[in-house]
Amino acid sequence: MDRDVIIHQGAGIAALAERLAELQSSAAARIVGLTGSVAAGKTTLARDVADALNPPLSVETVSTDGFLFPNAVLEPQGLLMRKGFPETFDRDGFTNALVSIRQGAAAFPAHSHDIYDIDPALTRTVQLPDMLILEGLGFQPPTRPERPDGEPDVLVYLDASEADLEFWYVERFVGFWNAARTDPSSFYAQWLHMSETELRAFAKTVWDGVNLPNLRDHIHPLKAHADIVVHKARDHTVEIAEDRIS
């Protein structure tokens, strides 16, 4: 990556971290929700912001993927290929975890990309930090003006063009597929018989048939309700596009 791009990207991350630190200092942002499309880079952004804040703040990041129902629940309902849609999330578990961590600690389950399922071995107990960044899907429009304990204090939306999101999704799919060559237990090993050209075409059909409809129908509408909107460009530079917190 070009050095100027790295500097610009770092500036955008620093600006978001600084804004969240301001909100945290006024007790307005103890729990931050970060959402956006599949493949937008939510996990990376959450990690980078946490790194920028920690220290002096103690910051933990958790993925909402852990609140997806297990495959054993989704498959009989025909929902396995709709992972990430609202009906595939354990809303009660999500809400209860946020209520619990505000009281001191909570257990957060985790989803493994390798097995494409909830992995009980990855569950971790998180003590209440100065800031918890909860990144992923499954969010709902925030309650206004007062938000209950089961919701994030601040909702950040990571925005990007559909063309860039499709590009990143296909590249990520290919990455998991390549990694499966040395891990026969990987969920992606089932496509190792394909050529890369065939795989890319298949990944695009998954994007068009699953992730793009979810983006348009359920994820993108949250942009209008977000407290902060962050825009991401193809070169992965980010900047705060809108800050709606007075």
C-alpha atoms as a PDB file:
ATOM      1  CA  MET A   1       0.000   0.000   0.000  1.00  0.00           C
ATOM      2  CA  ASP A   2       1.285   3.496  -0.859  1.00  0.00           C
ATOM      3  CA  ARG A   3       2.808   5.374   2.108  1.00  0.00           C
ATOM      4  CA  ASP A   4       0.542   8.397   1.512  1.00  0.00           C
ATOM      5  CA  VAL A   5      -2.482   6.104   1.565  1.00  0.00           C
ATOM      6  CA  ILE A   6      -1.329   4.568   4.845  1.00  0.00           C
ATOM      7  CA  ILE A   7      -0.938   8.035   6.377  1.00  0.00           C
ATOM      8  CA  HIS A   8      -4.363   9.130   5.107  1.00  0.00           C
ATOM      9  CA  GLN A   9      -5.960   5.931   6.380  1.00  0.00           C
ATOM     10  CA  GLY A  10      -4.329   6.428   9.757  1.00  0.00           C
ATOM     11  CA  ALA A  11      -5.690   9.974   9.902  1.00  0.00           C
ATOM     12  CA  GLY A  12      -9.246   8.750   9.407  1.00  0.00           C
ATOM     13  CA  ILE A  13      -8.872   6.091  12.096  1.00  0.00           C
ATOM     14  CA  ALA A  14      -7.326   8.629  14.465  1.00  0.00           C
ATOM     15  CA  ALA A  15     -10.207  11.057  13.877  1.00  0.00           C
ATOM     16  CA  LEU A  16     -12.800   8.390  14.665  1.00  0.00           C
ATOM     17  CA  ALA A  17     -10.868   7.228  17.731  1.00  0.00           C
ATOM     18  CA  GLU A  18     -10.593  10.812  18.975  1.00  0.00           C
ATOM     19  CA  ARG A  19     -14.332  11.390  18.540  1.00  0.00           C
ATOM     20  CA  LEU A  20     -15.236   8.198  20.372  1.00  0.00           C
ATOM     21  CA  ALA A  21     -12.804   9.082  23.169  1.00  0.00           C
ATOM     22  CA  GLU A  22     -14.544  12.447  23.541  1.00  0.00           C
ATOM     23  CA  LEU A  23     -17.910  10.711  23.831  1.00  0.00           C
ATOM     24  CA  GLN A  24     -16.529   8.138  26.265  1.00  0.00           C
ATOM     25  CA  SER A  25     -15.141  10.856  28.521  1.00  0.00           C
ATOM     26  CA  SER A  26     -18.609  12.366  28.795  1.00  0.00           C
ATOM     27  CA  ALA A  27     -20.076   8.912  29.572  1.00  0.00           C
ATOM     28  CA  ALA A  28     -21.963   8.978  26.251  1.00  0.00           C
ATOM     29  CA  ALA A  29     -20.131   6.062  24.649  1.00  0.00           C
ATOM     30  CA  ARG A  30     -19.281   3.121  26.889  1.00  0.00           C
ATOM     31  CA  ILE A  31     -20.615   0.631  24.327  1.00  0.00           C
ATOM     32  CA  VAL A  32     -20.160   1.408  20.621  1.00  0.00           C
ATOM     33  CA  GLY A  33     -21.959  -0.496  17.889  1.00  0.00           C
ATOM     34  CA  LEU A  34     -20.188  -0.654  14.518  1.00  0.00           C
ATOM     35  CA  THR A  35     -22.176  -1.964  11.570  1.00  0.00           C
ATOM     36  CA  GLY A  36     -22.102  -1.965   7.787  1.00  0.00           C
ATOM     37  CA  SER A  37     -22.141  -4.453   4.934  1.00  0.00           C
ATOM     38  CA  VAL A  38     -20.575  -7.872   4.894  1.00  0.00           C
ATOM     39  CA  ALA A  39     -16.927  -7.422   3.773  1.00  0.00           C
ATOM     40  CA  ALA A  40     -16.897  -3.685   4.574  1.00  0.00           C
ATOM     41  CA  GLY A  41     -14.008  -4.183   6.986  1.00  0.00           C
ATOM     42  CA  LYS A  42     -15.837  -3.741  10.291  1.00  0.00           C
ATOM     43  CA  THR A  43     -13.543  -6.101  12.196  1.00  0.00           C
ATOM     44  CA  THR A  44     -10.404  -4.361  10.941  1.00  0.00           C
ATOM     45  CA  LEU A  45     -11.763  -0.895  11.689  1.00  0.00           C
ATOM     46  CA  ALA A  46     -12.826  -1.932  15.195  1.00  0.00           C
ATOM     47  CA  ARG A  47      -9.369  -3.372  15.859  1.00  0.00           C
ATOM     48  CA  ASP A  48      -7.590  -0.296  14.473  1.00  0.00           C
ATOM     49  CA  VAL A  49      -9.708   2.091  16.536  1.00  0.00           C
ATOM     50  CA  ALA A  50      -9.143  -0.031  19.640  1.00  0.00           C
ATOM     51  CA  ASP A  51      -5.390   0.052  19.004  1.00  0.00           C
ATOM     52  CA  ALA A  52      -5.538   3.843  18.665  1.00  0.00           C
ATOM     53  CA  LEU A  53      -7.377   4.186  21.980  1.00  0.00           C
ATOM     54  CA  ASN A  54      -5.604   1.550  24.044  1.00  0.00           C
ATOM     55  CA  PRO A  55      -3.840   2.980  26.045  1.00  0.00           C
ATOM     56  CA  PRO A  56      -4.907   5.131  27.779  1.00  0.00           C
ATOM     57  CA  LEU A  57      -8.387   3.580  27.516  1.00  0.00           C
ATOM     58  CA  SER A  58      -9.042  -0.106  28.001  1.00  0.00           C
ATOM     59  CA  VAL A  59     -10.938  -1.219  24.892  1.00  0.00           C
ATOM     60  CA  GLU A  60     -12.382  -4.606  23.936  1.00  0.00           C
ATOM     61  CA  THR A  61     -13.808  -5.608  20.555  1.00  0.00           C
ATOM     62  CA  VAL A  62     -16.443  -8.296  20.090  1.00  0.00           C
ATOM     63  CA  SER A  63     -18.139  -9.551  16.923  1.00  0.00           C
ATOM     64  CA  THR A  64     -21.905  -9.862  16.777  1.00  0.00           C
ATOM     65  CA  ASP A  65     -21.380 -13.013  14.639  1.00  0.00           C
ATOM     66  CA  GLY A  66     -21.372 -14.875  17.944  1.00  0.00           C
ATOM     67  CA  PHE A  67     -25.077 -14.126  18.291  1.00  0.00           C
ATOM     68  CA  LEU A  68     -25.976 -15.946  15.089  1.00  0.00           C
ATOM     69  CA  PHE A  69     -28.015 -19.038  15.814  1.00  0.00           C
ATOM     70  CA  PRO A  70     -25.990 -22.268  15.425  1.00  0.00           C
ATOM     71  CA  ASN A  71     -26.257 -24.154  12.126  1.00  0.00           C
ATOM     72  CA  ALA A  72     -28.267 -26.858  13.896  1.00  0.00           C
ATOM     73  CA  VAL A  73     -30.975 -24.246  14.481  1.00  0.00           C
ATOM     74  CA  LEU A  74     -30.720 -22.475  11.122  1.00  0.00           C
ATOM     75  CA  GLU A  75     -30.523 -25.477   8.789  1.00  0.00           C
ATOM     76  CA  PRO A  76     -33.895 -27.098   9.648  1.00  0.00           C
ATOM     77  CA  GLN A  77     -35.537 -23.710   9.029  1.00  0.00           C
ATOM     78  CA  GLY A  78     -33.839 -23.271   5.663  1.00  0.00           C
ATOM     79  CA  LEU A  79     -31.913 -20.259   6.954  1.00  0.00           C
ATOM     80  CA  LEU A  80     -28.334 -21.461   6.566  1.00  0.00           C
ATOM     81  CA  MET A  81     -27.803 -19.441   3.392  1.00  0.00           C
ATOM     82  CA  ARG A  82     -29.390 -16.378   5.011  1.00  0.00           C
ATOM     83  CA  LYS A  83     -26.787 -15.959   7.741  1.00  0.00           C
ATOM     84  CA  GLY A  84     -26.587 -12.300   8.623  1.00  0.00           C
ATOM     85  CA  PHE A  85     -30.261 -11.587   7.922  1.00  0.00           C
ATOM     86  CA  PRO A  86     -32.193 -10.314  10.981  1.00  0.00           C
ATOM     87  CA  GLU A  87     -34.006 -13.609  11.592  1.00  0.00           C
ATOM     88  CA  THR A  88     -30.726 -15.514  11.969  1.00  0.00           C
ATOM     89  CA  PHE A  89     -29.652 -13.628  15.104  1.00  0.00           C
ATOM     90  CA  ASP A  90     -30.398 -14.442  18.722  1.00  0.00           C
ATOM     91  CA  ARG A  91     -31.781 -11.035  19.665  1.00  0.00           C
ATOM     92  CA  ASP A  92     -32.423 -12.017  23.281  1.00  0.00           C
ATOM     93  CA  GLY A  93     -28.855 -13.263  23.694  1.00  0.00           C
ATOM     94  CA  PHE A  94     -27.521 -10.049  22.149  1.00  0.00           C
ATOM     95  CA  THR A  95     -29.600  -7.844  24.458  1.00  0.00           C
ATOM     96  CA  ASN A  96     -28.870  -9.865  27.585  1.00  0.00           C
ATOM     97  CA  ALA A  97     -25.105  -9.752  26.972  1.00  0.00           C
ATOM     98  CA  LEU A  98     -25.137  -5.954  26.785  1.00  0.00           C
ATOM     99  CA  VAL A  99     -27.238  -5.692  29.934  1.00  0.00           C
ATOM    100  CA  SER A 100     -24.891  -8.097  31.736  1.00  0.00           C
ATOM    101  CA  ILE A 101     -21.651  -6.388  30.737  1.00  0.00           C
ATOM    102  CA  ARG A 102     -22.950  -3.051  31.974  1.00  0.00           C
ATOM    103  CA  GLN A 103     -23.238  -4.779  35.345  1.00  0.00           C
ATOM    104  CA  GLY A 104     -19.633  -5.947  35.239  1.00  0.00           C
ATOM    105  CA  ALA A 105     -19.046  -8.887  32.880  1.00  0.00           C
ATOM    106  CA  ALA A 106     -20.679 -11.017  30.195  1.00  0.00           C
ATOM    107  CA  ALA A 107     -19.963 -14.157  28.184  1.00  0.00           C
ATOM    108  CA  PHE A 108     -19.762 -13.520  24.442  1.00  0.00           C
ATOM    109  CA  PRO A 109     -20.114 -16.507  22.071  1.00  0.00           C
ATOM    110  CA  ALA A 110     -18.129 -16.591  18.834  1.00  0.00           C
ATOM    111  CA  HIS A 111     -18.650 -17.734  15.245  1.00  0.00           C
ATOM    112  CA  SER A 112     -15.801 -19.461  13.397  1.00  0.00           C
ATOM    113  CA  HIS A 113     -15.290 -18.680   9.707  1.00  0.00           C
ATOM    114  CA  ASP A 114     -13.339 -21.924   9.423  1.00  0.00           C
ATOM    115  CA  ILE A 115     -16.239 -24.192  10.409  1.00  0.00           C
ATOM    116  CA  TYR A 116     -18.923 -21.631   9.484  1.00  0.00           C
ATOM    117  CA  ASP A 117     -20.703 -22.219  12.787  1.00  0.00           C
ATOM    118  CA  ILE A 118     -20.755 -21.150  16.418  1.00  0.00           C
ATOM    119  CA  ASP A 119     -17.709 -22.610  18.170  1.00  0.00           C
ATOM    120  CA  PRO A 120     -18.327 -23.007  21.935  1.00  0.00           C
ATOM    121  CA  ALA A 121     -14.573 -23.223  22.521  1.00  0.00           C
ATOM    122  CA  LEU A 122     -14.211 -19.603  21.402  1.00  0.00           C
ATOM    123  CA  THR A 123     -16.683 -18.157  23.939  1.00  0.00           C
ATOM    124  CA  ARG A 124     -14.979 -15.570  26.110  1.00  0.00           C
ATOM    125  CA  THR A 125     -15.971 -13.671  29.225  1.00  0.00           C
ATOM    126  CA  VAL A 126     -15.390  -9.942  28.892  1.00  0.00           C
ATOM    127  CA  GLN A 127     -15.046  -7.654  31.896  1.00  0.00           C
ATOM    128  CA  LEU A 128     -16.531  -4.198  31.426  1.00  0.00           C
ATOM    129  CA  PRO A 129     -13.778  -2.082  29.801  1.00  0.00           C
ATOM    130  CA  ASP A 130     -13.648   1.674  29.363  1.00  0.00           C
ATOM    131  CA  MET A 131     -15.109   1.024  25.914  1.00  0.00           C
ATOM    132  CA  LEU A 132     -16.602  -2.024  24.221  1.00  0.00           C
ATOM    133  CA  ILE A 133     -16.762  -1.949  20.412  1.00  0.00           C
ATOM    134  CA  LEU A 134     -19.376  -4.407  19.218  1.00  0.00           C
ATOM    135  CA  GLU A 135     -18.942  -4.885  15.466  1.00  0.00           C
ATOM    136  CA  GLY A 136     -21.001  -6.785  12.928  1.00  0.00           C
ATOM    137  CA  LEU A 137     -24.592  -7.224  11.839  1.00  0.00           C
ATOM    138  CA  GLY A 138     -27.831  -7.783  13.725  1.00  0.00           C
ATOM    139  CA  PHE A 139     -28.308  -4.224  14.937  1.00  0.00           C
ATOM    140  CA  GLN A 140     -31.655  -2.469  14.954  1.00  0.00           C
ATOM    141  CA  PRO A 141     -32.415   1.263  14.681  1.00  0.00           C
ATOM    142  CA  PRO A 142     -31.477   2.881  18.011  1.00  0.00           C
ATOM    143  CA  THR A 143     -34.156   3.840  20.502  1.00  0.00           C
ATOM    144  CA  ARG A 144     -34.288   7.611  20.874  1.00  0.00           C
ATOM    145  CA  PRO A 145     -33.615   9.677  22.873  1.00  0.00           C
ATOM    146  CA  GLU A 146     -32.854   7.436  25.857  1.00  0.00           C
ATOM    147  CA  ARG A 147     -31.344   4.073  24.976  1.00  0.00           C
ATOM    148  CA  PRO A 148     -31.946   1.028  27.154  1.00  0.00           C
ATOM    149  CA  ASP A 149     -29.092  -1.029  28.585  1.00  0.00           C
ATOM    150  CA  GLY A 150     -29.546  -3.680  25.886  1.00  0.00           C
ATOM    151  CA  GLU A 151     -28.517  -1.276  23.096  1.00  0.00           C
ATOM    152  CA  PRO A 152     -25.184   0.351  22.208  1.00  0.00           C
ATOM    153  CA  ASP A 153     -24.753   3.940  23.380  1.00  0.00           C
ATOM    154  CA  VAL A 154     -23.511   4.991  19.935  1.00  0.00           C
ATOM    155  CA  LEU A 155     -24.080   3.402  16.526  1.00  0.00           C
ATOM    156  CA  VAL A 156     -21.404   3.861  13.845  1.00  0.00           C
ATOM    157  CA  TYR A 157     -22.169   2.923  10.236  1.00  0.00           C
ATOM    158  CA  LEU A 158     -19.292   1.961   7.936  1.00  0.00           C
ATOM    159  CA  ASP A 159     -20.359   2.965   4.437  1.00  0.00           C
ATOM    160  CA  ALA A 160     -18.876   2.013   1.062  1.00  0.00           C
ATOM    161  CA  SER A 161     -20.001   1.686  -2.539  1.00  0.00           C
ATOM    162  CA  GLU A 162     -21.684  -1.551  -3.630  1.00  0.00           C
ATOM    163  CA  ALA A 163     -18.980  -2.084  -6.252  1.00  0.00           C
ATOM    164  CA  ASP A 164     -16.211  -1.881  -3.636  1.00  0.00           C
ATOM    165  CA  LEU A 165     -18.117  -4.137  -1.228  1.00  0.00           C
ATOM    166  CA  GLU A 166     -18.560  -6.793  -3.918  1.00  0.00           C
ATOM    167  CA  PHE A 167     -14.855  -6.588  -4.796  1.00  0.00           C
ATOM    168  CA  TRP A 168     -13.802  -7.006  -1.145  1.00  0.00           C
ATOM    169  CA  TYR A 169     -16.278  -9.855  -0.601  1.00  0.00           C
ATOM    170  CA  VAL A 170     -14.993 -11.872  -3.555  1.00  0.00           C
ATOM    171  CA  GLU A 171     -11.370 -11.272  -2.514  1.00  0.00           C
ATOM    172  CA  ARG A 172     -12.149 -12.413   1.032  1.00  0.00           C
ATOM    173  CA  PHE A 173     -13.920 -15.519  -0.268  1.00  0.00           C
ATOM    174  CA  VAL A 174     -10.874 -16.374  -2.381  1.00  0.00           C
ATOM    175  CA  GLY A 175      -8.659 -15.854   0.666  1.00  0.00           C
ATOM    176  CA  PHE A 176     -10.646 -18.335   2.768  1.00  0.00           C
ATOM    177  CA  TRP A 177     -10.620 -20.765  -0.180  1.00  0.00           C
ATOM    178  CA  ASN A 178      -6.843 -20.564  -0.515  1.00  0.00           C
ATOM    179  CA  ALA A 179      -6.409 -21.065   3.237  1.00  0.00           C
ATOM    180  CA  ALA A 180      -8.545 -24.220   3.013  1.00  0.00           C
ATOM    181  CA  ARG A 181      -5.839 -25.920   0.911  1.00  0.00           C
ATOM    182  CA  THR A 182      -3.950 -26.617   4.128  1.00  0.00           C
ATOM    183  CA  ASP A 183      -7.037 -27.087   6.313  1.00  0.00           C
ATOM    184  CA  PRO A 184      -9.349 -29.856   5.073  1.00  0.00           C
ATOM    185  CA  SER A 185     -11.747 -29.147   7.968  1.00  0.00           C
ATOM    186  CA  SER A 186     -12.434 -25.648   6.621  1.00  0.00           C
ATOM    187  CA  PHE A 187     -15.949 -24.864   5.424  1.00  0.00           C
ATOM    188  CA  TYR A 188     -14.363 -23.549   2.234  1.00  0.00           C
ATOM    189  CA  ALA A 189     -12.655 -26.855   1.430  1.00  0.00           C
ATOM    190  CA  GLN A 190     -15.854 -27.989  -0.323  1.00  0.00           C
ATOM    191  CA  TRP A 191     -14.976 -25.673  -3.228  1.00  0.00           C
ATOM    192  CA  LEU A 192     -11.359 -26.720  -3.690  1.00  0.00           C
ATOM    193  CA  HIS A 193     -12.323 -28.677  -6.813  1.00  0.00           C
ATOM    194  CA  MET A 194     -13.088 -25.368  -8.544  1.00  0.00           C
ATOM    195  CA  SER A 195     -10.625 -23.290 -10.496  1.00  0.00           C
ATOM    196  CA  GLU A 196     -10.095 -19.758  -9.200  1.00  0.00           C
ATOM    197  CA  THR A 197     -12.106 -18.391 -12.112  1.00  0.00           C
ATOM    198  CA  GLU A 198     -15.012 -20.699 -11.251  1.00  0.00           C
ATOM    199  CA  LEU A 199     -14.735 -19.823  -7.581  1.00  0.00           C
ATOM    200  CA  ARG A 200     -14.814 -16.086  -8.246  1.00  0.00           C
ATOM    201  CA  ALA A 201     -17.934 -16.532 -10.378  1.00  0.00           C
ATOM    202  CA  PHE A 202     -19.537 -18.584  -7.597  1.00  0.00           C
ATOM    203  CA  ALA A 203     -18.626 -16.030  -4.929  1.00  0.00           C
ATOM    204  CA  LYS A 204     -20.248 -13.327  -7.055  1.00  0.00           C
ATOM    205  CA  THR A 205     -23.490 -15.338  -7.230  1.00  0.00           C
ATOM    206  CA  VAL A 206     -23.449 -15.603  -3.419  1.00  0.00           C
ATOM    207  CA  TRP A 207     -22.920 -11.857  -3.201  1.00  0.00           C
ATOM    208  CA  ASP A 208     -25.717 -11.106  -5.668  1.00  0.00           C
ATOM    209  CA  GLY A 209     -28.156 -13.620  -4.187  1.00  0.00           C
ATOM    210  CA  VAL A 210     -27.520 -13.269  -0.457  1.00  0.00           C
ATOM    211  CA  ASN A 211     -25.346 -10.403   0.702  1.00  0.00           C
ATOM    212  CA  LEU A 212     -26.496  -7.679  -1.687  1.00  0.00           C
ATOM    213  CA  PRO A 213     -30.212  -8.159  -0.853  1.00  0.00           C
ATOM    214  CA  ASN A 214     -29.355  -8.173   2.863  1.00  0.00           C
ATOM    215  CA  LEU A 215     -27.367  -4.975   2.410  1.00  0.00           C
ATOM    216  CA  ARG A 216     -30.123  -3.177   0.537  1.00  0.00           C
ATOM    217  CA  ASP A 217     -33.057  -4.406   2.612  1.00  0.00           C
ATOM    218  CA  HIS A 218     -31.694  -4.593   6.148  1.00  0.00           C
ATOM    219  CA  ILE A 219     -28.192  -3.155   6.606  1.00  0.00           C
ATOM    220  CA  HIS A 220     -28.044   0.026   4.534  1.00  0.00           C
ATOM    221  CA  PRO A 221     -31.270   1.433   6.064  1.00  0.00           C
ATOM    222  CA  LEU A 222     -29.374   1.664   9.377  1.00  0.00           C
ATOM    223  CA  LYS A 223     -27.175   4.366   7.847  1.00  0.00           C
ATOM    224  CA  ALA A 224     -30.047   6.840   8.273  1.00  0.00           C
ATOM    225  CA  HIS A 225     -30.260   5.993  11.987  1.00  0.00           C
ATOM    226  CA  ALA A 226     -26.538   5.913  12.784  1.00  0.00           C
ATOM    227  CA  ASP A 227     -24.974   8.500  15.090  1.00  0.00           C
ATOM    228  CA  ILE A 228     -21.757   8.557  13.063  1.00  0.00           C
ATOM    229  CA  VAL A 229     -21.268   7.561   9.414  1.00  0.00           C
ATOM    230  CA  VAL A 230     -17.775   6.614   8.282  1.00  0.00           C
ATOM    231  CA  HIS A 231     -17.028   6.354   4.565  1.00  0.00           C
ATOM    232  CA  LYS A 232     -14.496   3.857   3.243  1.00  0.00           C
ATOM    233  CA  ALA A 233     -12.869   4.093  -0.195  1.00  0.00           C
ATOM    234  CA  ARG A 234     -11.521   1.284  -2.408  1.00  0.00           C
ATOM    235  CA  ASP A 235      -7.993   1.938  -1.109  1.00  0.00           C
ATOM    236  CA  HIS A 236      -9.302   1.361   2.458  1.00  0.00           C
ATOM    237  CA  THR A 237      -8.923   4.980   3.543  1.00  0.00           C
ATOM    238  CA  VAL A 238     -11.687   6.059   5.916  1.00  0.00           C
ATOM    239  CA  GLU A 239     -13.121   9.374   7.000  1.00  0.00           C
ATOM    240  CA  ILE A 240     -16.023  10.563   9.112  1.00  0.00           C
ATOM    241  CA  ALA A 241     -18.724  11.545   6.633  1.00  0.00           C
ATOM    242  CA  GLU A 242     -21.448  12.509   9.126  1.00  0.00           C
ATOM    243  CA  ASP A 243     -21.492  13.140  12.882  1.00  0.00           C
ATOM    244  CA  ARG A 244     -25.044  13.518  14.159  1.00  0.00           C
ATOM    245  CA  ILE A 245     -24.234  13.692  17.862  1.00  0.00           C
ATOM    246  CA  SER A 246     -24.811  17.146  19.253  1.00  0.00           C
END
